[in-house]
Amino acid sequence: MFLGEDLIPYLVLALGGALFVGNVAAMARPRRAGEGGELVRAPARRAVPLALVGLVAAIWGLATLLWG
């Protein structure tokens, strides 16, 4: 198989981990103040579910690699 037999689980682990870490980082550290002087935070109604989807995908990919 192209790039090994475990390509899909590695990709799921990488994308899930990046989705989780990116959304948590966006919620934890807001961007610098804009023109209005207010800090811009990531919308929690969107970031929390996406972080949870990323966490589930990363756990799924890791479990597949370890026990699959």
PDB file of N, CA and C in Angstrom:
ATOM      1  N   MET A   1       0.841  -1.184   0.000  1.00  0.00           N
ATOM      2  CA  MET A   1       0.000   0.000   0.000  1.00  0.00           C
ATOM      3  C   MET A   1       0.884   1.245   0.000  1.00  0.00           C
ATOM      4  N   PHE A   2       0.386   2.292  -0.600  1.00  0.00           N
ATOM      5  CA  PHE A   2       1.124   3.549  -0.694  1.00  0.00           C
ATOM      6  C   PHE A   2       1.352   4.144   0.693  1.00  0.00           C
ATOM      7  N   LEU A   3       2.579   4.395   1.070  1.00  0.00           N
ATOM      8  CA  LEU A   3       2.999   4.983   2.347  1.00  0.00           C
ATOM      9  C   LEU A   3       2.669   4.128   3.558  1.00  0.00           C
ATOM     10  N   GLY A   4       2.514   2.851   3.386  1.00  0.00           N
ATOM     11  CA  GLY A   4       2.327   1.944   4.513  1.00  0.00           C
ATOM     12  C   GLY A   4       0.878   1.573   4.747  1.00  0.00           C
ATOM     13  N   GLU A   5       0.682   0.534   5.553  1.00  0.00           N
ATOM     14  CA  GLU A   5      -0.664   0.036   5.819  1.00  0.00           C
ATOM     15  C   GLU A   5      -1.406   0.879   6.851  1.00  0.00           C
ATOM     16  N   ASP A   6      -0.705   1.637   7.663  1.00  0.00           N
ATOM     17  CA  ASP A   6      -1.330   2.412   8.734  1.00  0.00           C
ATOM     18  C   ASP A   6      -1.479   3.887   8.377  1.00  0.00           C
ATOM     19  N   LEU A   7      -1.569   4.203   7.112  1.00  0.00           N
ATOM     20  CA  LEU A   7      -1.638   5.596   6.695  1.00  0.00           C
ATOM     21  C   LEU A   7      -2.906   6.290   7.200  1.00  0.00           C
ATOM     22  N   ILE A   8      -4.061   5.660   7.036  1.00  0.00           N
ATOM     23  CA  ILE A   8      -5.324   6.288   7.425  1.00  0.00           C
ATOM     24  C   ILE A   8      -5.384   6.538   8.933  1.00  0.00           C
ATOM     25  N   PRO A   9      -5.036   5.577   9.795  1.00  0.00           N
ATOM     26  CA  PRO A   9      -5.044   5.883  11.233  1.00  0.00           C
ATOM     27  C   PRO A   9      -4.075   7.003  11.624  1.00  0.00           C
ATOM     28  N   TYR A  10      -2.915   7.060  10.975  1.00  0.00           N
ATOM     29  CA  TYR A  10      -1.990   8.160  11.264  1.00  0.00           C
ATOM     30  C   TYR A  10      -2.577   9.511  10.851  1.00  0.00           C
ATOM     31  N   LEU A  11      -3.242   9.545   9.709  1.00  0.00           N
ATOM     32  CA  LEU A  11      -3.862  10.787   9.255  1.00  0.00           C
ATOM     33  C   LEU A  11      -5.005  11.205  10.175  1.00  0.00           C
ATOM     34  N   VAL A  12      -5.814  10.252  10.624  1.00  0.00           N
ATOM     35  CA  VAL A  12      -6.907  10.563  11.551  1.00  0.00           C
ATOM     36  C   VAL A  12      -6.345  11.077  12.869  1.00  0.00           C
ATOM     37  N   LEU A  13      -5.290  10.456  13.355  1.00  0.00           N
ATOM     38  CA  LEU A  13      -4.655  10.912  14.597  1.00  0.00           C
ATOM     39  C   LEU A  13      -4.094  12.323  14.436  1.00  0.00           C
ATOM     40  N   ALA A  14      -3.422  12.593  13.342  1.00  0.00           N
ATOM     41  CA  ALA A  14      -2.822  13.908  13.119  1.00  0.00           C
ATOM     42  C   ALA A  14      -3.880  14.996  12.953  1.00  0.00           C
ATOM     43  N   LEU A  15      -4.885  14.745  12.145  1.00  0.00           N
ATOM     44  CA  LEU A  15      -5.924  15.749  11.917  1.00  0.00           C
ATOM     45  C   LEU A  15      -6.774  15.974  13.163  1.00  0.00           C
ATOM     46  N   GLY A  16      -7.101  14.905  13.873  1.00  0.00           N
ATOM     47  CA  GLY A  16      -7.866  15.041  15.109  1.00  0.00           C
ATOM     48  C   GLY A  16      -7.088  15.804  16.168  1.00  0.00           C
ATOM     49  N   GLY A  17      -5.801  15.490  16.301  1.00  0.00           N
ATOM     50  CA  GLY A  17      -4.966  16.210  17.270  1.00  0.00           C
ATOM     51  C   GLY A  17      -4.816  17.673  16.926  1.00  0.00           C
ATOM     52  N   ALA A  18      -4.657  17.962  15.643  1.00  0.00           N
ATOM     53  CA  ALA A  18      -4.532  19.361  15.229  1.00  0.00           C
ATOM     54  C   ALA A  18      -5.838  20.120  15.438  1.00  0.00           C
ATOM     55  N   LEU A  19      -6.959  19.486  15.175  1.00  0.00           N
ATOM     56  CA  LEU A  19      -8.255  20.119  15.387  1.00  0.00           C
ATOM     57  C   LEU A  19      -8.476  20.409  16.865  1.00  0.00           C
ATOM     58  N   PHE A  20      -8.125  19.462  17.723  1.00  0.00           N
ATOM     59  CA  PHE A  20      -8.290  19.653  19.161  1.00  0.00           C
ATOM     60  C   PHE A  20      -7.374  20.754  19.687  1.00  0.00           C
ATOM     61  N   VAL A  21      -6.090  20.659  19.391  1.00  0.00           N
ATOM     62  CA  VAL A  21      -5.120  21.626  19.911  1.00  0.00           C
ATOM     63  C   VAL A  21      -5.389  23.027  19.368  1.00  0.00           C
ATOM     64  N   GLY A  22      -5.733  23.127  18.109  1.00  0.00           N
ATOM     65  CA  GLY A  22      -6.001  24.436  17.512  1.00  0.00           C
ATOM     66  C   GLY A  22      -7.189  25.137  18.137  1.00  0.00           C
ATOM     67  N   ASN A  23      -8.267  24.409  18.371  1.00  0.00           N
ATOM     68  CA  ASN A  23      -9.448  25.023  18.964  1.00  0.00           C
ATOM     69  C   ASN A  23      -9.245  25.362  20.434  1.00  0.00           C
ATOM     70  N   VAL A  24      -8.568  24.509  21.167  1.00  0.00           N
ATOM     71  CA  VAL A  24      -8.285  24.825  22.573  1.00  0.00           C
ATOM     72  C   VAL A  24      -7.366  26.034  22.670  1.00  0.00           C
ATOM     73  N   ALA A  25      -6.371  26.110  21.807  1.00  0.00           N
ATOM     74  CA  ALA A  25      -5.468  27.267  21.815  1.00  0.00           C
ATOM     75  C   ALA A  25      -6.203  28.547  21.437  1.00  0.00           C
ATOM     76  N   ALA A  26      -7.132  28.465  20.503  1.00  0.00           N
ATOM     77  CA  ALA A  26      -7.897  29.650  20.101  1.00  0.00           C
ATOM     78  C   ALA A  26      -8.789  30.140  21.236  1.00  0.00           C
ATOM     79  N   MET A  27      -9.311  29.215  22.046  1.00  0.00           N
ATOM     80  CA  MET A  27     -10.146  29.626  23.178  1.00  0.00           C
ATOM     81  C   MET A  27      -9.308  30.134  24.345  1.00  0.00           C
ATOM     82  N   ALA A  28      -8.142  29.554  24.551  1.00  0.00           N
ATOM     83  CA  ALA A  28      -7.329  29.899  25.716  1.00  0.00           C
ATOM     84  C   ALA A  28      -6.610  31.239  25.557  1.00  0.00           C
ATOM     85  N   ARG A  29      -6.194  31.546  24.344  1.00  0.00           N
ATOM     86  CA  ARG A  29      -5.416  32.767  24.139  1.00  0.00           C
ATOM     87  C   ARG A  29      -6.038  33.617  23.043  1.00  0.00           C
ATOM     88  N   PRO A  30      -6.719  34.677  23.414  1.00  0.00           N
ATOM     89  CA  PRO A  30      -7.350  35.521  22.387  1.00  0.00           C
ATOM     90  C   PRO A  30      -6.311  36.281  21.579  1.00  0.00           C
ATOM     91  N   ARG A  31      -6.739  36.748  20.413  1.00  0.00           N
ATOM     92  CA  ARG A  31      -5.843  37.537  19.570  1.00  0.00           C
ATOM     93  C   ARG A  31      -5.601  38.909  20.187  1.00  0.00           C
ATOM     94  N   ARG A  32      -4.623  39.616  19.658  1.00  0.00           N
ATOM     95  CA  ARG A  32      -4.321  40.972  20.128  1.00  0.00           C
ATOM     96  C   ARG A  32      -5.501  41.897  19.902  1.00  0.00           C
ATOM     97  N   ALA A  33      -5.475  43.005  20.604  1.00  0.00           N
ATOM     98  CA  ALA A  33      -6.561  43.980  20.486  1.00  0.00           C
ATOM     99  C   ALA A  33      -6.626  44.538  19.075  1.00  0.00           C
ATOM    100  N   GLY A  34      -7.841  44.676  18.577  1.00  0.00           N
ATOM    101  CA  GLY A  34      -8.040  45.229  17.243  1.00  0.00           C
ATOM    102  C   GLY A  34      -8.144  46.744  17.310  1.00  0.00           C
ATOM    103  N   GLU A  35      -8.778  47.311  16.313  1.00  0.00           N
ATOM    104  CA  GLU A  35      -8.922  48.768  16.253  1.00  0.00           C
ATOM    105  C   GLU A  35      -9.810  49.292  17.381  1.00  0.00           C
ATOM    106  N   GLY A  36     -10.809  48.518  17.778  1.00  0.00           N
ATOM    107  CA  GLY A  36     -11.720  48.945  18.831  1.00  0.00           C
ATOM    108  C   GLY A  36     -11.135  48.766  20.221  1.00  0.00           C
ATOM    109  N   GLY A  37      -9.983  48.123  20.338  1.00  0.00           N
ATOM    110  CA  GLY A  37      -9.341  47.914  21.628  1.00  0.00           C
ATOM    111  C   GLY A  37      -9.833  46.678  22.364  1.00  0.00           C
ATOM    112  N   GLU A  38     -10.721  45.905  21.748  1.00  0.00           N
ATOM    113  CA  GLU A  38     -11.238  44.712  22.396  1.00  0.00           C
ATOM    114  C   GLU A  38     -10.476  43.479  21.917  1.00  0.00           C
ATOM    115  N   LEU A  39     -10.304  42.528  22.835  1.00  0.00           N
ATOM    116  CA  LEU A  39      -9.683  41.264  22.457  1.00  0.00           C
ATOM    117  C   LEU A  39     -10.719  40.410  21.728  1.00  0.00           C
ATOM    118  N   VAL A  40     -10.270  39.718  20.716  1.00  0.00           N
ATOM    119  CA  VAL A  40     -11.174  38.902  19.915  1.00  0.00           C
ATOM    120  C   VAL A  40     -11.005  37.454  20.347  1.00  0.00           C
ATOM    121  N   ARG A  41     -12.057  36.871  20.907  1.00  0.00           N
ATOM    122  CA  ARG A  41     -12.033  35.471  21.337  1.00  0.00           C
ATOM    123  C   ARG A  41     -12.714  34.588  20.298  1.00  0.00           C
ATOM    124  N   ALA A  42     -12.308  33.349  20.284  1.00  0.00           N
ATOM    125  CA  ALA A  42     -12.970  32.378  19.420  1.00  0.00           C
ATOM    126  C   ALA A  42     -14.368  32.116  19.965  1.00  0.00           C
ATOM    127  N   PRO A  43     -15.357  31.978  19.111  1.00  0.00           N
ATOM    128  CA  PRO A  43     -16.711  31.701  19.594  1.00  0.00           C
ATOM    129  C   PRO A  43     -16.779  30.308  20.225  1.00  0.00           C
ATOM    130  N   ALA A  44     -17.103  30.256  21.501  1.00  0.00           N
ATOM    131  CA  ALA A  44     -17.096  28.989  22.235  1.00  0.00           C
ATOM    132  C   ALA A  44     -18.171  28.029  21.729  1.00  0.00           C
ATOM    133  N   ARG A  45     -19.263  28.547  21.199  1.00  0.00           N
ATOM    134  CA  ARG A  45     -20.326  27.674  20.698  1.00  0.00           C
ATOM    135  C   ARG A  45     -19.863  26.854  19.502  1.00  0.00           C
ATOM    136  N   ARG A  46     -18.846  27.306  18.807  1.00  0.00           N
ATOM    137  CA  ARG A  46     -18.305  26.558  17.676  1.00  0.00           C
ATOM    138  C   ARG A  46     -17.018  25.836  18.056  1.00  0.00           C
ATOM    139  N   ALA A  47     -16.191  26.461  18.877  1.00  0.00           N
ATOM    140  CA  ALA A  47     -14.874  25.897  19.168  1.00  0.00           C
ATOM    141  C   ALA A  47     -14.942  24.664  20.073  1.00  0.00           C
ATOM    142  N   VAL A  48     -15.841  24.662  21.043  1.00  0.00           N
ATOM    143  CA  VAL A  48     -15.925  23.516  21.961  1.00  0.00           C
ATOM    144  C   VAL A  48     -16.367  22.243  21.231  1.00  0.00           C
ATOM    145  N   PRO A  49     -17.447  22.264  20.447  1.00  0.00           N
ATOM    146  CA  PRO A  49     -17.796  21.024  19.729  1.00  0.00           C
ATOM    147  C   PRO A  49     -16.717  20.561  18.753  1.00  0.00           C
ATOM    148  N   LEU A  50     -16.065  21.499  18.079  1.00  0.00           N
ATOM    149  CA  LEU A  50     -15.001  21.104  17.160  1.00  0.00           C
ATOM    150  C   LEU A  50     -13.809  20.505  17.906  1.00  0.00           C
ATOM    151  N   ALA A  51     -13.500  21.047  19.080  1.00  0.00           N
ATOM    152  CA  ALA A  51     -12.422  20.475  19.887  1.00  0.00           C
ATOM    153  C   ALA A  51     -12.782  19.066  20.337  1.00  0.00           C
ATOM    154  N   LEU A  52     -14.040  18.838  20.689  1.00  0.00           N
ATOM    155  CA  LEU A  52     -14.465  17.502  21.098  1.00  0.00           C
ATOM    156  C   LEU A  52     -14.425  16.516  19.931  1.00  0.00           C
ATOM    157  N   VAL A  53     -14.800  16.958  18.754  1.00  0.00           N
ATOM    158  CA  VAL A  53     -14.700  16.099  17.564  1.00  0.00           C
ATOM    159  C   VAL A  53     -13.239  15.742  17.297  1.00  0.00           C
ATOM    160  N   GLY A  54     -12.353  16.721  17.424  1.00  0.00           N
ATOM    161  CA  GLY A  54     -10.927  16.453  17.236  1.00  0.00           C
ATOM    162  C   GLY A  54     -10.380  15.484  18.261  1.00  0.00           C
ATOM    163  N   LEU A  55     -10.827  15.627  19.518  1.00  0.00           N
ATOM    164  CA  LEU A  55     -10.378  14.720  20.577  1.00  0.00           C
ATOM    165  C   LEU A  55     -10.847  13.294  20.307  1.00  0.00           C
ATOM    166  N   VAL A  56     -12.099  13.140  19.897  1.00  0.00           N
ATOM    167  CA  VAL A  56     -12.616  11.801  19.586  1.00  0.00           C
ATOM    168  C   VAL A  56     -11.853  11.197  18.414  1.00  0.00           C
ATOM    169  N   ALA A  57     -11.593  11.983  17.387  1.00  0.00           N
ATOM    170  CA  ALA A  57     -10.855  11.479  16.229  1.00  0.00           C
ATOM    171  C   ALA A  57      -9.431  11.078  16.615  1.00  0.00           C
ATOM    172  N   ALA A  58      -8.779  11.869  17.447  1.00  0.00           N
ATOM    173  CA  ALA A  58      -7.412  11.542  17.862  1.00  0.00           C
ATOM    174  C   ALA A  58      -7.383  10.272  18.707  1.00  0.00           C
ATOM    175  N   ILE A  59      -8.343  10.126  19.602  1.00  0.00           N
ATOM    176  CA  ILE A  59      -8.412   8.909  20.417  1.00  0.00           C
ATOM    177  C   ILE A  59      -8.700   7.698  19.538  1.00  0.00           C
ATOM    178  N   TRP A  60      -9.590   7.872  18.577  1.00  0.00           N
ATOM    179  CA  TRP A  60      -9.931   6.783  17.659  1.00  0.00           C
ATOM    180  C   TRP A  60      -8.707   6.365  16.840  1.00  0.00           C
ATOM    181  N   GLY A  61      -7.983   7.324  16.305  1.00  0.00           N
ATOM    182  CA  GLY A  61      -6.786   7.011  15.536  1.00  0.00           C
ATOM    183  C   GLY A  61      -5.725   6.325  16.373  1.00  0.00           C
ATOM    184  N   LEU A  62      -5.528   6.802  17.600  1.00  0.00           N
ATOM    185  CA  LEU A  62      -4.542   6.191  18.492  1.00  0.00           C
ATOM    186  C   LEU A  62      -4.954   4.769  18.871  1.00  0.00           C
ATOM    187  N   ALA A  63      -6.225   4.587  19.180  1.00  0.00           N
ATOM    188  CA  ALA A  63      -6.707   3.238  19.524  1.00  0.00           C
ATOM    189  C   ALA A  63      -6.557   2.275  18.349  1.00  0.00           C
ATOM    190  N   THR A  64      -6.811   2.763  17.157  1.00  0.00           N
ATOM    191  CA  THR A  64      -6.655   1.917  15.973  1.00  0.00           C
ATOM    192  C   THR A  64      -5.202   1.506  15.784  1.00  0.00           C
ATOM    193  N   LEU A  65      -4.295   2.431  16.019  1.00  0.00           N
ATOM    194  CA  LEU A  65      -2.876   2.106  15.867  1.00  0.00           C
ATOM    195  C   LEU A  65      -2.395   1.150  16.948  1.00  0.00           C
ATOM    196  N   LEU A  66      -2.889   1.307  18.167  1.00  0.00           N
ATOM    197  CA  LEU A  66      -2.411   0.474  19.267  1.00  0.00           C
ATOM    198  C   LEU A  66      -3.042  -0.919  19.287  1.00  0.00           C
ATOM    199  N   TRP A  67      -4.346  -0.992  18.997  1.00  0.00           N
ATOM    200  CA  TRP A  67      -5.041  -2.264  19.123  1.00  0.00           C
ATOM    201  C   TRP A  67      -5.605  -2.787  17.821  1.00  0.00           C
ATOM    202  N   GLY A  68      -5.309  -2.122  16.710  1.00  0.00           N
ATOM    203  CA  GLY A  68      -5.908  -2.538  15.434  1.00  0.00           C
ATOM    204  C   GLY A  68      -5.101  -3.461  14.695  1.00  0.00           C
TER     205      GLY A  68
END
